[in-house]
N, C-alpha and C. Protein backbone atom coordinates (compact mmCIF):
# COMPACT_ATOMS: atom_id res chain seq x y z
N UNK A 1 -21.09 32.88 35.64
CA UNK A 1 -20.41 33.27 34.43
C UNK A 1 -21.24 32.83 33.23
N UNK A 2 -21.42 33.71 32.27
CA UNK A 2 -22.21 33.41 31.08
C UNK A 2 -21.46 32.43 30.18
N UNK A 3 -22.22 31.51 29.62
CA UNK A 3 -21.62 30.51 28.72
C UNK A 3 -21.40 31.15 27.35
N UNK A 4 -20.18 30.97 26.82
CA UNK A 4 -19.86 31.51 25.49
C UNK A 4 -20.29 30.52 24.43
N UNK A 5 -20.86 31.03 23.37
CA UNK A 5 -21.22 30.17 22.25
C UNK A 5 -20.15 30.32 21.17
N UNK A 6 -19.81 29.21 20.57
CA UNK A 6 -18.83 29.24 19.49
C UNK A 6 -19.46 29.85 18.24
N UNK A 7 -18.72 30.69 17.55
CA UNK A 7 -19.24 31.20 16.28
C UNK A 7 -19.26 30.07 15.25
N UNK A 8 -20.05 30.26 14.22
CA UNK A 8 -20.06 29.28 13.12
C UNK A 8 -18.67 29.27 12.50
N UNK A 9 -18.09 28.09 12.41
CA UNK A 9 -16.75 27.97 11.83
C UNK A 9 -16.82 28.30 10.35
N UNK A 10 -15.85 29.12 9.91
CA UNK A 10 -15.91 29.62 8.54
C UNK A 10 -14.51 29.72 7.95
N UNK A 11 -14.16 28.79 7.04
CA UNK A 11 -12.85 28.89 6.40
C UNK A 11 -12.84 30.03 5.38
N UNK A 12 -11.66 30.54 5.13
CA UNK A 12 -11.52 31.52 4.06
C UNK A 12 -11.77 30.80 2.73
N UNK A 13 -12.62 31.36 1.92
CA UNK A 13 -12.94 30.75 0.64
C UNK A 13 -13.01 31.83 -0.43
N UNK A 14 -12.59 31.47 -1.61
CA UNK A 14 -12.77 32.32 -2.78
C UNK A 14 -13.60 31.53 -3.78
N UNK A 15 -14.57 32.18 -4.38
CA UNK A 15 -15.41 31.54 -5.40
C UNK A 15 -14.98 32.05 -6.77
N UNK A 16 -15.01 31.14 -7.73
CA UNK A 16 -14.78 31.56 -9.10
C UNK A 16 -15.33 30.52 -10.05
N UNK A 17 -15.48 30.93 -11.29
CA UNK A 17 -15.92 30.03 -12.33
C UNK A 17 -14.69 29.68 -13.17
N UNK A 18 -14.40 28.36 -13.25
CA UNK A 18 -13.17 27.93 -13.93
C UNK A 18 -13.25 26.44 -14.23
N UNK A 19 -12.16 25.92 -14.78
CA UNK A 19 -12.00 24.49 -15.02
C UNK A 19 -10.83 23.98 -14.21
N UNK A 20 -10.94 22.74 -13.77
CA UNK A 20 -9.83 22.05 -13.14
C UNK A 20 -9.51 20.87 -14.04
N UNK A 21 -8.27 20.79 -14.48
CA UNK A 21 -7.83 19.75 -15.40
C UNK A 21 -6.67 18.99 -14.79
N UNK A 22 -6.73 17.66 -14.87
CA UNK A 22 -5.59 16.84 -14.45
C UNK A 22 -4.73 16.62 -15.69
N UNK A 23 -3.48 17.08 -15.58
CA UNK A 23 -2.53 16.98 -16.68
C UNK A 23 -1.16 16.66 -16.09
N UNK A 24 -0.49 15.67 -16.62
CA UNK A 24 0.82 15.24 -16.10
C UNK A 24 0.75 14.96 -14.59
N UNK A 25 -0.36 14.39 -14.16
CA UNK A 25 -0.61 14.02 -12.76
C UNK A 25 -0.67 15.22 -11.82
N UNK A 26 -0.98 16.39 -12.35
CA UNK A 26 -1.15 17.61 -11.55
C UNK A 26 -2.52 18.20 -11.84
N UNK A 27 -3.10 18.90 -10.87
CA UNK A 27 -4.38 19.58 -11.06
C UNK A 27 -4.11 21.04 -11.38
N UNK A 28 -4.62 21.48 -12.52
CA UNK A 28 -4.40 22.85 -13.00
C UNK A 28 -5.74 23.58 -13.08
N UNK A 29 -5.73 24.83 -12.70
CA UNK A 29 -6.90 25.70 -12.76
C UNK A 29 -6.76 26.58 -13.99
N UNK A 30 -7.85 26.75 -14.73
CA UNK A 30 -7.80 27.59 -15.93
C UNK A 30 -9.19 28.15 -16.23
N UNK A 31 -9.24 29.25 -17.00
CA UNK A 31 -10.54 29.83 -17.35
C UNK A 31 -11.23 29.06 -18.49
N UNK A 32 -10.46 28.29 -19.27
CA UNK A 32 -11.00 27.57 -20.42
C UNK A 32 -10.24 26.26 -20.59
N UNK A 33 -10.70 25.47 -21.52
CA UNK A 33 -10.07 24.18 -21.79
C UNK A 33 -8.60 24.33 -22.14
N UNK A 34 -7.78 23.42 -21.60
CA UNK A 34 -6.35 23.43 -21.90
C UNK A 34 -6.04 22.63 -23.16
N UNK A 35 -7.03 21.95 -23.72
CA UNK A 35 -6.82 21.17 -24.93
C UNK A 35 -6.19 19.81 -24.70
N UNK A 36 -5.90 19.49 -23.46
CA UNK A 36 -5.32 18.18 -23.12
C UNK A 36 -5.68 17.89 -21.68
N UNK A 37 -5.52 16.64 -21.29
CA UNK A 37 -5.78 16.25 -19.91
C UNK A 37 -7.23 15.91 -19.65
N UNK A 38 -7.51 15.53 -18.42
CA UNK A 38 -8.85 15.13 -17.99
C UNK A 38 -9.49 16.27 -17.19
N UNK A 39 -10.65 16.74 -17.64
CA UNK A 39 -11.36 17.79 -16.92
C UNK A 39 -12.01 17.16 -15.68
N UNK A 40 -11.61 17.64 -14.51
CA UNK A 40 -12.14 17.12 -13.25
C UNK A 40 -13.39 17.88 -12.80
N UNK A 41 -13.44 19.16 -13.11
CA UNK A 41 -14.59 19.99 -12.73
C UNK A 41 -14.62 21.24 -13.59
N UNK A 42 -15.82 21.76 -13.76
CA UNK A 42 -15.98 23.03 -14.48
C UNK A 42 -17.17 23.77 -13.90
N UNK A 43 -17.10 25.09 -13.97
CA UNK A 43 -18.19 25.90 -13.45
C UNK A 43 -17.80 26.60 -12.17
N UNK A 44 -18.79 26.85 -11.32
CA UNK A 44 -18.55 27.55 -10.06
C UNK A 44 -17.82 26.63 -9.09
N UNK A 45 -16.69 27.09 -8.59
CA UNK A 45 -15.84 26.30 -7.70
C UNK A 45 -15.47 27.13 -6.47
N UNK A 46 -15.07 26.42 -5.43
CA UNK A 46 -14.64 27.05 -4.18
C UNK A 46 -13.14 26.77 -4.00
N UNK A 47 -12.37 27.79 -3.67
CA UNK A 47 -10.95 27.64 -3.37
C UNK A 47 -10.74 27.91 -1.88
N UNK A 48 -9.91 27.08 -1.27
CA UNK A 48 -9.54 27.27 0.14
C UNK A 48 -8.04 27.07 0.26
N UNK A 49 -7.49 27.60 1.34
CA UNK A 49 -6.04 27.68 1.49
C UNK A 49 -5.59 26.92 2.73
N UNK A 50 -4.62 26.02 2.53
CA UNK A 50 -4.09 25.21 3.61
C UNK A 50 -2.72 25.72 4.05
N UNK A 51 -2.59 25.99 5.34
CA UNK A 51 -1.31 26.41 5.91
C UNK A 51 -0.55 25.15 6.30
N UNK A 52 0.68 25.02 5.84
CA UNK A 52 1.45 23.80 6.05
C UNK A 52 2.02 23.73 7.47
N UNK A 53 2.26 22.50 7.89
CA UNK A 53 2.85 22.25 9.20
C UNK A 53 4.36 22.48 9.13
N UNK A 54 4.91 23.02 10.20
CA UNK A 54 6.34 23.27 10.29
C UNK A 54 7.11 21.96 10.17
N UNK A 55 7.99 21.87 9.17
CA UNK A 55 8.80 20.67 8.96
C UNK A 55 8.05 19.52 8.33
N UNK A 56 6.77 19.70 8.02
CA UNK A 56 5.96 18.64 7.39
C UNK A 56 5.10 19.26 6.27
N UNK A 57 5.75 19.71 5.21
CA UNK A 57 4.99 20.42 4.17
C UNK A 57 3.97 19.56 3.43
N UNK A 58 4.00 18.25 3.64
CA UNK A 58 3.00 17.38 3.03
C UNK A 58 1.67 17.45 3.79
N UNK A 59 1.68 18.07 4.97
CA UNK A 59 0.48 18.22 5.79
C UNK A 59 0.09 19.69 5.86
N UNK A 60 -1.21 19.93 5.87
CA UNK A 60 -1.68 21.30 6.02
C UNK A 60 -3.06 21.30 6.67
N UNK A 61 -3.44 22.46 7.14
CA UNK A 61 -4.76 22.67 7.73
C UNK A 61 -5.43 23.82 7.01
N UNK A 62 -6.71 23.63 6.67
CA UNK A 62 -7.53 24.71 6.15
C UNK A 62 -8.25 25.26 7.37
N UNK A 63 -7.75 26.36 7.95
CA UNK A 63 -8.32 26.85 9.21
C UNK A 63 -9.73 27.41 9.01
N UNK A 64 -10.58 27.15 10.02
CA UNK A 64 -11.92 27.73 9.99
C UNK A 64 -12.29 28.37 11.33
N UNK A 65 -11.39 28.27 12.32
CA UNK A 65 -11.58 28.91 13.62
C UNK A 65 -10.22 29.04 14.29
N UNK A 66 -9.94 30.20 14.85
CA UNK A 66 -8.73 30.40 15.65
C UNK A 66 -9.17 30.86 17.03
N UNK A 67 -8.60 30.22 18.04
CA UNK A 67 -8.81 30.63 19.42
C UNK A 67 -7.50 31.28 19.86
N UNK A 68 -7.53 32.60 20.00
CA UNK A 68 -6.33 33.35 20.36
C UNK A 68 -5.99 33.12 21.83
N UNK A 69 -4.73 33.40 22.19
CA UNK A 69 -4.25 33.25 23.58
C UNK A 69 -5.17 33.94 24.58
N UNK A 70 -5.69 35.07 24.19
CA UNK A 70 -6.48 35.88 25.09
C UNK A 70 -7.97 35.53 25.03
N UNK A 71 -8.31 34.40 24.36
CA UNK A 71 -9.67 33.88 24.36
C UNK A 71 -10.57 34.35 23.23
N UNK A 72 -10.10 35.24 22.39
CA UNK A 72 -10.94 35.70 21.29
C UNK A 72 -11.11 34.59 20.28
N UNK A 73 -12.33 34.44 19.75
CA UNK A 73 -12.65 33.45 18.74
C UNK A 73 -12.76 34.15 17.39
N UNK A 74 -11.97 33.70 16.41
CA UNK A 74 -11.92 34.37 15.12
C UNK A 74 -12.30 33.40 14.00
N UNK A 75 -13.12 33.86 13.06
CA UNK A 75 -13.50 33.08 11.90
C UNK A 75 -13.46 33.98 10.66
N UNK A 76 -13.53 33.38 9.49
CA UNK A 76 -13.63 34.13 8.25
C UNK A 76 -12.47 35.07 8.00
N UNK A 77 -12.78 36.21 7.46
CA UNK A 77 -11.75 37.18 7.07
C UNK A 77 -10.96 37.70 8.27
N UNK A 78 -11.63 37.89 9.41
CA UNK A 78 -10.92 38.34 10.62
C UNK A 78 -9.89 37.31 11.04
N UNK A 79 -10.25 36.04 10.95
CA UNK A 79 -9.31 34.96 11.29
C UNK A 79 -8.13 34.98 10.33
N UNK A 80 -8.40 35.11 9.05
CA UNK A 80 -7.33 35.09 8.05
C UNK A 80 -6.37 36.25 8.27
N UNK A 81 -6.90 37.43 8.52
CA UNK A 81 -6.05 38.59 8.76
C UNK A 81 -5.20 38.40 10.02
N UNK A 82 -5.78 37.82 11.06
CA UNK A 82 -5.03 37.51 12.28
C UNK A 82 -3.89 36.56 11.95
N UNK A 83 -4.16 35.51 11.20
CA UNK A 83 -3.12 34.54 10.85
C UNK A 83 -2.02 35.18 10.02
N UNK A 84 -2.38 36.01 9.07
CA UNK A 84 -1.41 36.60 8.17
C UNK A 84 -0.56 37.68 8.84
N UNK A 85 -1.14 38.39 9.80
CA UNK A 85 -0.44 39.53 10.38
C UNK A 85 0.04 39.33 11.82
N UNK A 86 -0.62 38.47 12.58
CA UNK A 86 -0.34 38.40 14.02
C UNK A 86 -0.01 37.03 14.56
N UNK A 87 -0.06 36.00 13.75
CA UNK A 87 0.15 34.63 14.25
C UNK A 87 1.49 34.48 14.98
N UNK A 88 2.52 35.13 14.49
CA UNK A 88 3.84 35.03 15.11
C UNK A 88 3.88 35.60 16.53
N UNK A 89 2.94 36.48 16.86
CA UNK A 89 2.89 37.07 18.20
C UNK A 89 2.10 36.22 19.19
N UNK A 90 1.38 35.22 18.68
CA UNK A 90 0.53 34.39 19.54
C UNK A 90 0.77 32.91 19.23
N UNK A 91 1.97 32.40 19.48
CA UNK A 91 2.29 31.02 19.09
C UNK A 91 1.49 29.95 19.82
N UNK A 92 0.89 30.30 20.97
CA UNK A 92 0.10 29.31 21.70
C UNK A 92 -1.36 29.31 21.29
N UNK A 93 -1.76 30.22 20.43
CA UNK A 93 -3.13 30.21 19.93
C UNK A 93 -3.35 28.93 19.13
N UNK A 94 -4.59 28.51 19.04
CA UNK A 94 -4.92 27.26 18.34
C UNK A 94 -5.73 27.54 17.08
N UNK A 95 -5.43 26.77 16.05
CA UNK A 95 -6.21 26.80 14.81
C UNK A 95 -6.98 25.49 14.70
N UNK A 96 -8.24 25.59 14.36
CA UNK A 96 -9.10 24.44 14.11
C UNK A 96 -9.47 24.48 12.64
N UNK A 97 -9.62 23.31 12.04
CA UNK A 97 -10.00 23.27 10.63
C UNK A 97 -9.98 21.86 10.10
N UNK A 98 -9.81 21.76 8.79
CA UNK A 98 -9.86 20.48 8.10
C UNK A 98 -8.52 20.17 7.45
N UNK A 99 -8.16 18.89 7.45
CA UNK A 99 -6.97 18.47 6.72
C UNK A 99 -7.38 18.10 5.28
N UNK A 100 -6.42 17.70 4.47
CA UNK A 100 -6.71 17.45 3.05
C UNK A 100 -7.61 16.25 2.81
N UNK A 101 -7.80 15.42 3.84
CA UNK A 101 -8.72 14.28 3.73
C UNK A 101 -10.12 14.62 4.23
N UNK A 102 -10.32 15.86 4.68
CA UNK A 102 -11.62 16.29 5.18
C UNK A 102 -11.82 16.03 6.66
N UNK A 103 -10.80 15.52 7.35
CA UNK A 103 -10.88 15.25 8.78
C UNK A 103 -10.61 16.48 9.61
N UNK A 104 -11.14 16.48 10.83
CA UNK A 104 -10.93 17.58 11.78
C UNK A 104 -9.47 17.64 12.21
N UNK A 105 -8.98 18.85 12.40
CA UNK A 105 -7.59 19.07 12.81
C UNK A 105 -7.57 20.23 13.81
N UNK A 106 -6.68 20.15 14.78
CA UNK A 106 -6.43 21.24 15.71
C UNK A 106 -4.92 21.31 15.91
N UNK A 107 -4.38 22.52 15.84
CA UNK A 107 -2.93 22.68 15.95
C UNK A 107 -2.61 24.04 16.55
N UNK A 108 -1.55 24.08 17.38
CA UNK A 108 -1.06 25.36 17.88
C UNK A 108 -0.39 26.10 16.74
N UNK A 109 -0.55 27.40 16.70
CA UNK A 109 0.02 28.19 15.60
C UNK A 109 1.53 28.03 15.49
N UNK A 110 2.21 27.78 16.60
CA UNK A 110 3.66 27.61 16.54
C UNK A 110 4.07 26.36 15.76
N UNK A 111 3.12 25.48 15.46
CA UNK A 111 3.41 24.28 14.68
C UNK A 111 3.14 24.46 13.19
N UNK A 112 2.76 25.68 12.80
CA UNK A 112 2.47 25.95 11.40
C UNK A 112 3.58 26.80 10.78
N UNK A 113 3.79 26.62 9.49
CA UNK A 113 4.84 27.34 8.77
C UNK A 113 4.20 28.39 7.86
N UNK A 114 4.12 29.60 8.35
CA UNK A 114 3.46 30.67 7.60
C UNK A 114 4.33 31.22 6.47
N UNK A 115 5.58 30.78 6.39
CA UNK A 115 6.47 31.23 5.32
C UNK A 115 6.59 30.23 4.18
N UNK A 116 6.11 29.01 4.38
CA UNK A 116 6.16 27.98 3.34
C UNK A 116 4.96 28.20 2.42
N UNK A 117 5.09 27.90 1.13
CA UNK A 117 3.94 28.08 0.24
C UNK A 117 2.70 27.32 0.73
N UNK A 118 1.57 27.99 0.68
CA UNK A 118 0.31 27.40 1.13
C UNK A 118 -0.22 26.44 0.07
N UNK A 119 -1.00 25.46 0.53
CA UNK A 119 -1.72 24.60 -0.40
C UNK A 119 -2.97 25.35 -0.85
N UNK A 120 -3.32 25.18 -2.11
CA UNK A 120 -4.56 25.74 -2.63
C UNK A 120 -5.41 24.55 -3.05
N UNK A 121 -6.55 24.41 -2.37
CA UNK A 121 -7.45 23.30 -2.63
C UNK A 121 -8.69 23.81 -3.36
N UNK A 122 -9.24 22.95 -4.21
CA UNK A 122 -10.47 23.28 -4.92
C UNK A 122 -11.57 22.32 -4.47
N UNK A 123 -12.76 22.88 -4.26
CA UNK A 123 -13.94 22.14 -3.83
C UNK A 123 -15.07 22.40 -4.81
N UNK A 124 -15.94 21.43 -4.98
CA UNK A 124 -17.09 21.63 -5.86
C UNK A 124 -18.11 22.56 -5.22
N UNK A 125 -18.33 22.39 -3.90
CA UNK A 125 -19.35 23.17 -3.19
C UNK A 125 -18.80 23.63 -1.84
N UNK A 126 -19.37 24.70 -1.30
CA UNK A 126 -18.91 25.27 -0.04
C UNK A 126 -19.08 24.28 1.12
N UNK A 127 -20.06 23.41 1.07
CA UNK A 127 -20.29 22.47 2.18
C UNK A 127 -19.37 21.26 2.15
N UNK A 128 -18.62 21.07 1.06
CA UNK A 128 -17.71 19.92 0.96
C UNK A 128 -16.60 20.03 2.00
N UNK A 129 -16.29 18.92 2.62
CA UNK A 129 -15.20 18.87 3.61
C UNK A 129 -13.89 18.41 2.96
N UNK A 130 -13.99 17.54 2.00
CA UNK A 130 -12.80 17.00 1.34
C UNK A 130 -12.63 17.68 -0.02
N UNK A 131 -11.43 18.17 -0.30
CA UNK A 131 -11.23 18.86 -1.58
C UNK A 131 -11.26 17.89 -2.76
N UNK A 132 -11.63 18.42 -3.89
CA UNK A 132 -11.57 17.68 -5.15
C UNK A 132 -10.11 17.44 -5.52
N UNK A 133 -9.27 18.46 -5.31
CA UNK A 133 -7.85 18.35 -5.68
C UNK A 133 -7.05 19.46 -5.02
N UNK A 134 -5.77 19.22 -4.93
CA UNK A 134 -4.81 20.26 -4.55
C UNK A 134 -4.29 20.82 -5.86
N UNK A 135 -4.41 22.12 -6.05
CA UNK A 135 -3.99 22.75 -7.31
C UNK A 135 -2.49 22.95 -7.35
N UNK A 136 -1.92 22.77 -8.54
CA UNK A 136 -0.49 22.97 -8.75
C UNK A 136 -0.17 24.30 -9.42
N UNK A 137 -1.10 24.79 -10.25
CA UNK A 137 -0.84 26.04 -10.97
C UNK A 137 -2.12 26.60 -11.57
N UNK A 138 -2.09 27.87 -11.85
CA UNK A 138 -3.13 28.57 -12.59
C UNK A 138 -2.57 28.80 -14.00
N UNK A 139 -3.31 28.36 -15.00
CA UNK A 139 -2.91 28.59 -16.39
C UNK A 139 -3.87 29.64 -16.95
N UNK A 140 -3.41 30.88 -17.00
CA UNK A 140 -4.25 31.99 -17.45
C UNK A 140 -3.35 33.15 -17.86
N UNK A 141 -3.64 33.73 -19.00
CA UNK A 141 -2.82 34.84 -19.47
C UNK A 141 -3.15 36.15 -18.76
N UNK A 142 -4.38 36.29 -18.29
CA UNK A 142 -4.77 37.51 -17.59
C UNK A 142 -5.01 37.20 -16.12
N UNK A 143 -4.40 37.98 -15.25
CA UNK A 143 -4.56 37.71 -13.83
C UNK A 143 -5.60 38.61 -13.15
N UNK A 144 -6.06 39.63 -13.83
CA UNK A 144 -6.96 40.61 -13.21
C UNK A 144 -8.27 40.00 -12.71
N UNK A 145 -8.74 38.93 -13.32
CA UNK A 145 -10.04 38.38 -12.95
C UNK A 145 -9.97 37.41 -11.77
N UNK A 146 -8.81 37.21 -11.20
CA UNK A 146 -8.64 36.23 -10.13
C UNK A 146 -8.43 36.91 -8.78
N UNK A 147 -8.90 36.25 -7.71
CA UNK A 147 -8.72 36.83 -6.37
C UNK A 147 -7.24 37.00 -6.02
N UNK A 148 -6.94 38.09 -5.33
CA UNK A 148 -5.56 38.39 -4.93
C UNK A 148 -4.96 37.24 -4.13
N UNK A 149 -5.75 36.66 -3.23
CA UNK A 149 -5.25 35.58 -2.38
C UNK A 149 -4.81 34.38 -3.23
N UNK A 150 -5.57 34.06 -4.27
CA UNK A 150 -5.21 32.96 -5.16
C UNK A 150 -3.89 33.26 -5.86
N UNK A 151 -3.76 34.46 -6.37
CA UNK A 151 -2.53 34.83 -7.09
C UNK A 151 -1.32 34.86 -6.16
N UNK A 152 -1.55 35.12 -4.89
CA UNK A 152 -0.44 35.15 -3.92
C UNK A 152 0.03 33.74 -3.54
N UNK A 153 -0.84 32.74 -3.70
CA UNK A 153 -0.51 31.40 -3.21
C UNK A 153 -0.45 30.31 -4.27
N UNK A 154 -0.75 30.63 -5.51
CA UNK A 154 -0.70 29.63 -6.58
C UNK A 154 0.10 30.19 -7.75
N UNK A 155 1.13 29.47 -8.20
CA UNK A 155 1.91 29.96 -9.35
C UNK A 155 1.02 30.11 -10.59
N UNK A 156 1.23 31.17 -11.35
CA UNK A 156 0.46 31.43 -12.57
C UNK A 156 1.38 31.40 -13.78
N UNK A 157 0.89 30.75 -14.84
CA UNK A 157 1.62 30.67 -16.10
C UNK A 157 0.68 31.05 -17.23
N UNK A 158 1.24 31.66 -18.27
CA UNK A 158 0.43 32.09 -19.41
C UNK A 158 -0.08 30.93 -20.25
N UNK A 159 0.63 29.80 -20.21
CA UNK A 159 0.24 28.66 -21.06
C UNK A 159 0.74 27.36 -20.43
N UNK A 160 0.23 26.25 -20.93
CA UNK A 160 0.68 24.93 -20.48
C UNK A 160 2.15 24.77 -20.82
N UNK A 161 2.58 25.26 -21.98
CA UNK A 161 3.99 25.16 -22.37
C UNK A 161 4.89 25.90 -21.38
N UNK A 162 4.47 27.09 -20.96
CA UNK A 162 5.25 27.85 -19.98
C UNK A 162 5.31 27.11 -18.64
N UNK A 163 4.20 26.49 -18.24
CA UNK A 163 4.15 25.71 -17.00
C UNK A 163 5.10 24.52 -17.09
N UNK A 164 5.07 23.80 -18.21
CA UNK A 164 5.94 22.64 -18.38
C UNK A 164 7.42 23.04 -18.41
N UNK A 165 7.69 24.19 -19.03
CA UNK A 165 9.08 24.66 -19.10
C UNK A 165 9.62 25.03 -17.72
N UNK A 166 8.73 25.46 -16.86
CA UNK A 166 9.13 25.86 -15.50
C UNK A 166 9.53 24.64 -14.66
N UNK A 167 8.88 23.53 -14.97
CA UNK A 167 9.22 22.48 -14.23
C UNK A 167 9.17 21.25 -13.75
């Protein structure tokens, strides 16, 4: 029997140029200065998405490889599409990836909560294992310049005042 080689593990990532600001003990993403808070990073950044654990929303995994029940190995966009559309049909499949501390994680898909809001993490570089921060919101009046996946998983507000009023 031929030995199978593992594909290069590849988390779903979105790249963008933005600022990350710590304000009111939360990390906010914005296209420009918010006029308050501590700027944690600016320039080209990497966003990745953490799927939370069932019943443990404080824990999540940033998947970079899925091994399906039938042995298929999925990475990148194919992996993400499988998770978003078919994970419920393959509860015994396994997801491999990183936790929020940058450590290795492996979990059966049935232990993940695909209906709970995902964590959105920001990284300085694609090779980083540990995120700079978990984002709480996007502060931007125009949404057209942002990736669809980001807009689907991170609340967006037109201003800091609107964000504060929300909550």
